Amino acid sequence: MERLLLVDCNYSCETKEERYDVIVVGGGYAGCEAALSSARLGAKTLLLTLNIDRIVWQPSAVGGPAKSQLIYEVDALGGEIGKITDR
């Protein structure tokens, strides 16, 4: 069972006392892969990001062969980047 919570402080910032096994700061490719991996392993995971509209967003400065190589390597490890990029 995946347990992944996305919080966007632009919309709601309620104060609650919660306990998490893993807290990931940053919703870019690396942050999302880390959060997905820990959630799939059964850890209660919290992913924090400044802007939920930019989840898994990659700056345009990273592209071409570098992006292809990154996606290839993460895909080989069972990551989600390739699937997300194809959407």
PDB file of N, CA and C in Angstrom:
ATOM      1  N   MET A   1       0.849  -1.172   0.000  1.00  0.00           N
ATOM      2  CA  MET A   1       0.000   0.000   0.000  1.00  0.00           C
ATOM      3  C   MET A   1       0.892   1.232   0.000  1.00  0.00           C
ATOM      4  N   GLU A   2       0.608   2.163  -0.901  1.00  0.00           N
ATOM      5  CA  GLU A   2       1.375   3.397  -0.945  1.00  0.00           C
ATOM      6  C   GLU A   2       0.729   4.426  -0.037  1.00  0.00           C
ATOM      7  N   ARG A   3       1.557   5.065   0.763  1.00  0.00           N
ATOM      8  CA  ARG A   3       1.073   6.140   1.627  1.00  0.00           C
ATOM      9  C   ARG A   3       1.875   7.377   1.307  1.00  0.00           C
ATOM     10  N   LEU A   4       1.289   8.259   0.532  1.00  0.00           N
ATOM     11  CA  LEU A   4       1.983   9.457   0.091  1.00  0.00           C
ATOM     12  C   LEU A   4       1.053  10.637   0.275  1.00  0.00           C
ATOM     13  N   LEU A   5       1.529  11.670   0.924  1.00  0.00           N
ATOM     14  CA  LEU A   5       0.726  12.860   1.183  1.00  0.00           C
ATOM     15  C   LEU A   5       1.416  14.058   0.565  1.00  0.00           C
ATOM     16  N   LEU A   6       0.693  14.797  -0.254  1.00  0.00           N
ATOM     17  CA  LEU A   6       1.215  16.025  -0.841  1.00  0.00           C
ATOM     18  C   LEU A   6       0.609  17.201  -0.103  1.00  0.00           C
ATOM     19  N   VAL A   7       1.443  18.127   0.295  1.00  0.00           N
ATOM     20  CA  VAL A   7       0.966  19.307   1.013  1.00  0.00           C
ATOM     21  C   VAL A   7       1.413  20.535   0.242  1.00  0.00           C
ATOM     22  N   ASP A   8       0.492  21.434  -0.045  1.00  0.00           N
ATOM     23  CA  ASP A   8       0.819  22.683  -0.720  1.00  0.00           C
ATOM     24  C   ASP A   8       0.431  23.822   0.208  1.00  0.00           C
ATOM     25  N   CYS A   9       1.408  24.500   0.773  1.00  0.00           N
ATOM     26  CA  CYS A   9       1.142  25.551   1.759  1.00  0.00           C
ATOM     27  C   CYS A   9       0.521  26.790   1.142  1.00  0.00           C
ATOM     28  N   ASN A  10       0.436  26.869  -0.169  1.00  0.00           N
ATOM     29  CA  ASN A  10      -0.273  27.986  -0.787  1.00  0.00           C
ATOM     30  C   ASN A  10      -1.779  27.860  -0.568  1.00  0.00           C
ATOM     31  N   TYR A  11      -2.249  26.660  -0.323  1.00  0.00           N
ATOM     32  CA  TYR A  11      -3.679  26.429  -0.188  1.00  0.00           C
ATOM     33  C   TYR A  11      -4.111  26.161   1.246  1.00  0.00           C
ATOM     34  N   SER A  12      -3.342  25.384   1.982  1.00  0.00           N
ATOM     35  CA  SER A  12      -3.736  25.132   3.369  1.00  0.00           C
ATOM     36  C   SER A  12      -2.513  24.819   4.213  1.00  0.00           C
ATOM     37  N   CYS A  13      -2.471  25.425   5.358  1.00  0.00           N
ATOM     38  CA  CYS A  13      -1.381  25.181   6.300  1.00  0.00           C
ATOM     39  C   CYS A  13      -1.986  25.003   7.681  1.00  0.00           C
ATOM     40  N   GLU A  14      -2.554  23.861   7.895  1.00  0.00           N
ATOM     41  CA  GLU A  14      -3.107  23.581   9.206  1.00  0.00           C
ATOM     42  C   GLU A  14      -2.005  22.996  10.078  1.00  0.00           C
ATOM     43  N   THR A  15      -2.042  23.345  11.332  1.00  0.00           N
ATOM     44  CA  THR A  15      -1.065  22.794  12.257  1.00  0.00           C
ATOM     45  C   THR A  15      -1.629  21.513  12.850  1.00  0.00           C
ATOM     46  N   LYS A  16      -0.938  20.424  12.599  1.00  0.00           N
ATOM     47  CA  LYS A  16      -1.337  19.136  13.140  1.00  0.00           C
ATOM     48  C   LYS A  16      -0.083  18.451  13.662  1.00  0.00           C
ATOM     49  N   GLU A  17      -0.275  17.619  14.625  1.00  0.00           N
ATOM     50  CA  GLU A  17       0.860  16.820  15.079  1.00  0.00           C
ATOM     51  C   GLU A  17       0.773  15.471  14.397  1.00  0.00           C
ATOM     52  N   GLU A  18       1.669  15.238  13.472  1.00  0.00           N
ATOM     53  CA  GLU A  18       1.735  13.993  12.719  1.00  0.00           C
ATOM     54  C   GLU A  18       3.151  13.441  12.838  1.00  0.00           C
ATOM     55  N   ARG A  19       3.263  12.161  12.749  1.00  0.00           N
ATOM     56  CA  ARG A  19       4.579  11.512  12.763  1.00  0.00           C
ATOM     57  C   ARG A  19       4.774  10.803  11.432  1.00  0.00           C
ATOM     58  N   TYR A  20       5.949  11.007  10.853  1.00  0.00           N
ATOM     59  CA  TYR A  20       6.286  10.390   9.577  1.00  0.00           C
ATOM     60  C   TYR A  20       7.610   9.660   9.711  1.00  0.00           C
ATOM     61  N   ASP A  21       7.739   8.591   8.959  1.00  0.00           N
ATOM     62  CA  ASP A  21       9.009   7.871   8.909  1.00  0.00           C
ATOM     63  C   ASP A  21      10.002   8.610   8.014  1.00  0.00           C
ATOM     64  N   VAL A  22       9.484   9.189   6.938  1.00  0.00           N
ATOM     65  CA  VAL A  22      10.329   9.881   5.961  1.00  0.00           C
ATOM     66  C   VAL A  22       9.667  11.199   5.582  1.00  0.00           C
ATOM     67  N   ILE A  23      10.441  12.273   5.582  1.00  0.00           N
ATOM     68  CA  ILE A  23       9.971  13.569   5.102  1.00  0.00           C
ATOM     69  C   ILE A  23      10.891  13.984   3.960  1.00  0.00           C
ATOM     70  N   VAL A  24      10.299  14.204   2.790  1.00  0.00           N
ATOM     71  CA  VAL A  24      11.052  14.605   1.605  1.00  0.00           C
ATOM     72  C   VAL A  24      10.729  16.063   1.320  1.00  0.00           C
ATOM     73  N   VAL A  25      11.756  16.881   1.195  1.00  0.00           N
ATOM     74  CA  VAL A  25      11.574  18.300   0.901  1.00  0.00           C
ATOM     75  C   VAL A  25      11.934  18.525  -0.562  1.00  0.00           C
ATOM     76  N   GLY A  26      10.949  18.938  -1.343  1.00  0.00           N
ATOM     77  CA  GLY A  26      11.160  19.211  -2.761  1.00  0.00           C
ATOM     78  C   GLY A  26      10.439  18.203  -3.628  1.00  0.00           C
ATOM     79  N   GLY A  27       9.585  18.700  -4.507  1.00  0.00           N
ATOM     80  CA  GLY A  27       8.770  17.837  -5.351  1.00  0.00           C
ATOM     81  C   GLY A  27       9.264  17.730  -6.777  1.00  0.00           C
ATOM     82  N   GLY A  28      10.569  17.875  -6.975  1.00  0.00           N
ATOM     83  CA  GLY A  28      11.137  17.660  -8.312  1.00  0.00           C
ATOM     84  C   GLY A  28      11.251  16.165  -8.584  1.00  0.00           C
ATOM     85  N   TYR A  29      11.956  15.813  -9.654  1.00  0.00           N
ATOM     86  CA  TYR A  29      12.099  14.396  -9.991  1.00  0.00           C
ATOM     87  C   TYR A  29      12.700  13.593  -8.846  1.00  0.00           C
ATOM     88  N   ALA A  30      13.794  14.070  -8.292  1.00  0.00           N
ATOM     89  CA  ALA A  30      14.472  13.322  -7.229  1.00  0.00           C
ATOM     90  C   ALA A  30      13.594  13.203  -5.990  1.00  0.00           C
ATOM     91  N   GLY A  31      12.942  14.291  -5.606  1.00  0.00           N
ATOM     92  CA  GLY A  31      12.071  14.259  -4.436  1.00  0.00           C
ATOM     93  C   GLY A  31      10.902  13.314  -4.614  1.00  0.00           C
ATOM     94  N   CYS A  32      10.286  13.348  -5.783  1.00  0.00           N
ATOM     95  CA  CYS A  32       9.153  12.452  -6.040  1.00  0.00           C
ATOM     96  C   CYS A  32       9.591  10.998  -6.079  1.00  0.00           C
ATOM     97  N   GLU A  33      10.733  10.726  -6.689  1.00  0.00           N
ATOM     98  CA  GLU A  33      11.240   9.350  -6.705  1.00  0.00           C
ATOM     99  C   GLU A  33      11.537   8.874  -5.285  1.00  0.00           C
ATOM    100  N   ALA A  34      12.134   9.737  -4.470  1.00  0.00           N
ATOM    101  CA  ALA A  34      12.440   9.369  -3.083  1.00  0.00           C
ATOM    102  C   ALA A  34      11.161   9.108  -2.297  1.00  0.00           C
ATOM    103  N   ALA A  35      10.172   9.976  -2.457  1.00  0.00           N
ATOM    104  CA  ALA A  35       8.911   9.815  -1.734  1.00  0.00           C
ATOM    105  C   ALA A  35       8.176   8.552  -2.179  1.00  0.00           C
ATOM    106  N   LEU A  36       8.123   8.309  -3.481  1.00  0.00           N
ATOM    107  CA  LEU A  36       7.464   7.102  -3.982  1.00  0.00           C
ATOM    108  C   LEU A  36       8.162   5.844  -3.487  1.00  0.00           C
ATOM    109  N   SER A  37       9.487   5.852  -3.527  1.00  0.00           N
ATOM    110  CA  SER A  37      10.245   4.678  -3.080  1.00  0.00           C
ATOM    111  C   SER A  37      10.010   4.379  -1.610  1.00  0.00           C
ATOM    112  N   SER A  38      10.069   5.406  -0.775  1.00  0.00           N
ATOM    113  CA  SER A  38       9.880   5.163   0.661  1.00  0.00           C
ATOM    114  C   SER A  38       8.445   4.740   0.958  1.00  0.00           C
ATOM    115  N   ALA A  39       7.466   5.325   0.252  1.00  0.00           N
ATOM    116  CA  ALA A  39       6.069   4.932   0.460  1.00  0.00           C
ATOM    117  C   ALA A  39       5.844   3.486   0.030  1.00  0.00           C
ATOM    118  N   ARG A  40       6.450   3.086  -1.070  1.00  0.00           N
ATOM    119  CA  ARG A  40       6.300   1.702  -1.544  1.00  0.00           C
ATOM    120  C   ARG A  40       6.937   0.700  -0.592  1.00  0.00           C
ATOM    121  N   LEU A  41       7.923   1.150   0.145  1.00  0.00           N
ATOM    122  CA  LEU A  41       8.555   0.274   1.136  1.00  0.00           C
ATOM    123  C   LEU A  41       7.787   0.245   2.454  1.00  0.00           C
ATOM    124  N   GLY A  42       6.675   0.983   2.515  1.00  0.00           N
ATOM    125  CA  GLY A  42       5.825   0.945   3.696  1.00  0.00           C
ATOM    126  C   GLY A  42       6.049   2.058   4.692  1.00  0.00           C
ATOM    127  N   ALA A  43       6.932   2.991   4.381  1.00  0.00           N
ATOM    128  CA  ALA A  43       7.188   4.102   5.301  1.00  0.00           C
ATOM    129  C   ALA A  43       6.083   5.144   5.172  1.00  0.00           C
ATOM    130  N   LYS A  44       5.676   5.693   6.284  1.00  0.00           N
ATOM    131  CA  LYS A  44       4.723   6.803   6.258  1.00  0.00           C
ATOM    132  C   LYS A  44       5.514   8.008   5.775  1.00  0.00           C
ATOM    133  N   THR A  45       5.146   8.516   4.598  1.00  0.00           N
ATOM    134  CA  THR A  45       5.965   9.488   3.880  1.00  0.00           C
ATOM    135  C   THR A  45       5.239  10.808   3.694  1.00  0.00           C
ATOM    136  N   LEU A  46       5.960  11.898   3.914  1.00  0.00           N
ATOM    137  CA  LEU A  46       5.445  13.243   3.683  1.00  0.00           C
ATOM    138  C   LEU A  46       6.325  13.910   2.636  1.00  0.00           C
ATOM    139  N   LEU A  47       5.705  14.409   1.567  1.00  0.00           N
ATOM    140  CA  LEU A  47       6.416  15.149   0.532  1.00  0.00           C
ATOM    141  C   LEU A  47       6.007  16.607   0.625  1.00  0.00           C
ATOM    142  N   LEU A  48       6.977  17.479   0.864  1.00  0.00           N
ATOM    143  CA  LEU A  48       6.717  18.915   0.967  1.00  0.00           C
ATOM    144  C   LEU A  48       7.192  19.613  -0.302  1.00  0.00           C
ATOM    145  N   THR A  49       6.361  20.502  -0.819  1.00  0.00           N
ATOM    146  CA  THR A  49       6.732  21.273  -1.998  1.00  0.00           C
ATOM    147  C   THR A  49       6.134  22.666  -1.888  1.00  0.00           C
ATOM    148  N   LEU A  50       6.777  23.632  -2.504  1.00  0.00           N
ATOM    149  CA  LEU A  50       6.269  25.001  -2.465  1.00  0.00           C
ATOM    150  C   LEU A  50       5.086  25.202  -3.397  1.00  0.00           C
ATOM    151  N   ASN A  51       5.053  24.472  -4.507  1.00  0.00           N
ATOM    152  CA  ASN A  51       4.015  24.689  -5.505  1.00  0.00           C
ATOM    153  C   ASN A  51       3.575  23.349  -6.082  1.00  0.00           C
ATOM    154  N   ILE A  52       2.372  22.934  -5.762  1.00  0.00           N
ATOM    155  CA  ILE A  52       1.892  21.624  -6.210  1.00  0.00           C
ATOM    156  C   ILE A  52       1.757  21.557  -7.732  1.00  0.00           C
ATOM    157  N   ASP A  53       1.628  22.705  -8.387  1.00  0.00           N
ATOM    158  CA  ASP A  53       1.544  22.725  -9.845  1.00  0.00           C
ATOM    159  C   ASP A  53       2.880  22.408 -10.507  1.00  0.00           C
ATOM    160  N   ARG A  54       3.944  22.418  -9.732  1.00  0.00           N
ATOM    161  CA  ARG A  54       5.276  22.143 -10.282  1.00  0.00           C
ATOM    162  C   ARG A  54       5.824  20.793  -9.817  1.00  0.00           C
ATOM    163  N   ILE A  55       4.951  19.902  -9.387  1.00  0.00           N
ATOM    164  CA  ILE A  55       5.394  18.566  -8.990  1.00  0.00           C
ATOM    165  C   ILE A  55       6.057  17.899 -10.192  1.00  0.00           C
ATOM    166  N   VAL A  56       7.202  17.314  -9.993  1.00  0.00           N
ATOM    167  CA  VAL A  56       7.984  16.617 -11.011  1.00  0.00           C
ATOM    168  C   VAL A  56       8.318  17.540 -12.182  1.00  0.00           C
ATOM    169  N   TRP A  57       8.425  18.823 -11.910  1.00  0.00           N
ATOM    170  CA  TRP A  57       8.785  19.793 -12.933  1.00  0.00           C
ATOM    171  C   TRP A  57      10.289  19.818 -13.063  1.00  0.00           C
ATOM    172  N   GLN A  58      10.751  19.891 -14.282  1.00  0.00           N
ATOM    173  CA  GLN A  58      12.189  19.937 -14.526  1.00  0.00           C
ATOM    174  C   GLN A  58      12.512  21.206 -15.292  1.00  0.00           C
ATOM    175  N   PRO A  59      13.489  21.976 -14.830  1.00  0.00           N
ATOM    176  CA  PRO A  59      13.863  23.195 -15.548  1.00  0.00           C
ATOM    177  C   PRO A  59      14.236  22.901 -17.000  1.00  0.00           C
ATOM    178  N   SER A  60      13.920  23.821 -17.882  1.00  0.00           N
ATOM    179  CA  SER A  60      14.213  23.615 -19.304  1.00  0.00           C
ATOM    180  C   SER A  60      15.711  23.541 -19.581  1.00  0.00           C
ATOM    181  N   ALA A  61      16.527  23.978 -18.634  1.00  0.00           N
ATOM    182  CA  ALA A  61      17.977  23.916 -18.804  1.00  0.00           C
ATOM    183  C   ALA A  61      18.473  22.475 -18.841  1.00  0.00           C
ATOM    184  N   VAL A  62      17.689  21.555 -18.302  1.00  0.00           N
ATOM    185  CA  VAL A  62      18.068  20.145 -18.333  1.00  0.00           C
ATOM    186  C   VAL A  62      17.261  19.495 -19.443  1.00  0.00           C
ATOM    187  N   GLY A  63      17.936  19.064 -20.465  1.00  0.00           N
ATOM    188  CA  GLY A  63      17.236  18.447 -21.586  1.00  0.00           C
ATOM    189  C   GLY A  63      18.213  17.722 -22.474  1.00  0.00           C
ATOM    190  N   GLY A  64      17.751  17.327 -23.623  1.00  0.00           N
ATOM    191  CA  GLY A  64      18.606  16.649 -24.583  1.00  0.00           C
ATOM    192  C   GLY A  64      19.186  15.365 -24.029  1.00  0.00           C
ATOM    193  N   PRO A  65      20.443  15.080 -24.363  1.00  0.00           N
ATOM    194  CA  PRO A  65      21.065  13.827 -23.933  1.00  0.00           C
ATOM    195  C   PRO A  65      21.116  13.664 -22.413  1.00  0.00           C
ATOM    196  N   ALA A  66      21.294  14.771 -21.689  1.00  0.00           N
ATOM    197  CA  ALA A  66      21.372  14.666 -20.220  1.00  0.00           C
ATOM    198  C   ALA A  66      20.056  14.158 -19.649  1.00  0.00           C
ATOM    199  N   LYS A  67      18.949  14.682 -20.145  1.00  0.00           N
ATOM    200  CA  LYS A  67      17.640  14.247 -19.664  1.00  0.00           C
ATOM    201  C   LYS A  67      17.389  12.794 -20.055  1.00  0.00           C
ATOM    202  N   SER A  68      17.742  12.440 -21.276  1.00  0.00           N
ATOM    203  CA  SER A  68      17.552  11.064 -21.733  1.00  0.00           C
ATOM    204  C   SER A  68      18.331  10.089 -20.866  1.00  0.00           C
ATOM    205  N   GLN A  69      19.567  10.426 -20.544  1.00  0.00           N
ATOM    206  CA  GLN A  69      20.396   9.549 -19.716  1.00  0.00           C
ATOM    207  C   GLN A  69      19.825   9.429 -18.310  1.00  0.00           C
ATOM    208  N   LEU A  70      19.380  10.543 -17.739  1.00  0.00           N
ATOM    209  CA  LEU A  70      18.780  10.530 -16.403  1.00  0.00           C
ATOM    210  C   LEU A  70      17.559   9.618 -16.375  1.00  0.00           C
ATOM    211  N   ILE A  71      16.677   9.782 -17.350  1.00  0.00           N
ATOM    212  CA  ILE A  71      15.461   8.967 -17.399  1.00  0.00           C
ATOM    213  C   ILE A  71      15.811   7.500 -17.587  1.00  0.00           C
ATOM    214  N   TYR A  72      16.769   7.202 -18.446  1.00  0.00           N
ATOM    215  CA  TYR A  72      17.195   5.826 -18.683  1.00  0.00           C
ATOM    216  C   TYR A  72      17.701   5.174 -17.399  1.00  0.00           C
ATOM    217  N   GLU A  73      18.545   5.876 -16.660  1.00  0.00           N
ATOM    218  CA  GLU A  73      19.126   5.310 -15.443  1.00  0.00           C
ATOM    219  C   GLU A  73      18.089   5.118 -14.347  1.00  0.00           C
ATOM    220  N   VAL A  74      17.219   6.093 -14.158  1.00  0.00           N
ATOM    221  CA  VAL A  74      16.189   5.972 -13.122  1.00  0.00           C
ATOM    222  C   VAL A  74      15.182   4.898 -13.510  1.00  0.00           C
ATOM    223  N   ASP A  75      14.853   4.811 -14.793  1.00  0.00           N
ATOM    224  CA  ASP A  75      13.939   3.782 -15.288  1.00  0.00           C
ATOM    225  C   ASP A  75      14.489   2.389 -14.995  1.00  0.00           C
ATOM    226  N   ALA A  76      15.788   2.214 -15.177  1.00  0.00           N
ATOM    227  CA  ALA A  76      16.425   0.921 -14.922  1.00  0.00           C
ATOM    228  C   ALA A  76      16.316   0.513 -13.459  1.00  0.00           C
ATOM    229  N   LEU A  77      16.181   1.491 -12.580  1.00  0.00           N
ATOM    230  CA  LEU A  77      16.053   1.212 -11.149  1.00  0.00           C
ATOM    231  C   LEU A  77      14.593   1.093 -10.711  1.00  0.00           C
ATOM    232  N   GLY A  78      13.665   1.128 -11.668  1.00  0.00           N
ATOM    233  CA  GLY A  78      12.251   0.994 -11.337  1.00  0.00           C
ATOM    234  C   GLY A  78      11.570   2.300 -11.008  1.00  0.00           C
ATOM    235  N   GLY A  79      12.160   3.413 -11.424  1.00  0.00           N
ATOM    236  CA  GLY A  79      11.588   4.724 -11.126  1.00  0.00           C
ATOM    237  C   GLY A  79      10.396   5.063 -12.007  1.00  0.00           C
ATOM    238  N   GLU A  80       9.791   6.177 -11.708  1.00  0.00           N
ATOM    239  CA  GLU A  80       8.574   6.615 -12.393  1.00  0.00           C
ATOM    240  C   GLU A  80       8.813   7.725 -13.411  1.00  0.00           C
ATOM    241  N   ILE A  81      10.015   8.263 -13.490  1.00  0.00           N
ATOM    242  CA  ILE A  81      10.261   9.424 -14.342  1.00  0.00           C
ATOM    243  C   ILE A  81       9.861   9.165 -15.793  1.00  0.00           C
ATOM    244  N   GLY A  82      10.244   8.026 -16.332  1.00  0.00           N
ATOM    245  CA  GLY A  82       9.918   7.712 -17.717  1.00  0.00           C
ATOM    246  C   GLY A  82       8.428   7.720 -17.975  1.00  0.00           C
ATOM    247  N   LYS A  83       7.667   7.135 -17.078  1.00  0.00           N
ATOM    248  CA  LYS A  83       6.205   7.088 -17.234  1.00  0.00           C
ATOM    249  C   LYS A  83       5.605   8.484 -17.140  1.00  0.00           C
ATOM    250  N   ILE A  84       6.107   9.281 -16.210  1.00  0.00           N
ATOM    251  CA  ILE A  84       5.580  10.634 -16.020  1.00  0.00           C
ATOM    252  C   ILE A  84       5.939  11.516 -17.206  1.00  0.00           C
ATOM    253  N   THR A  85       7.149  11.372 -17.726  1.00  0.00           N
ATOM    254  CA  THR A  85       7.599  12.176 -18.855  1.00  0.00           C
ATOM    255  C   THR A  85       6.772  11.881 -20.105  1.00  0.00           C
ATOM    256  N   ASP A  86       6.340  10.631 -20.254  1.00  0.00           N
ATOM    257  CA  ASP A  86       5.557  10.241 -21.427  1.00  0.00           C
ATOM    258  C   ASP A  86       4.134  10.783 -21.407  1.00  0.00           C
ATOM    259  N   ARG A  87       3.669  11.287 -20.294  1.00  0.00           N
ATOM    260  CA  ARG A  87       2.287  11.785 -20.205  1.00  0.00           C
ATOM    261  C   ARG A  87       2.105  13.077 -20.928  1.00  0.00           C
TER     262      ARG A  87
END
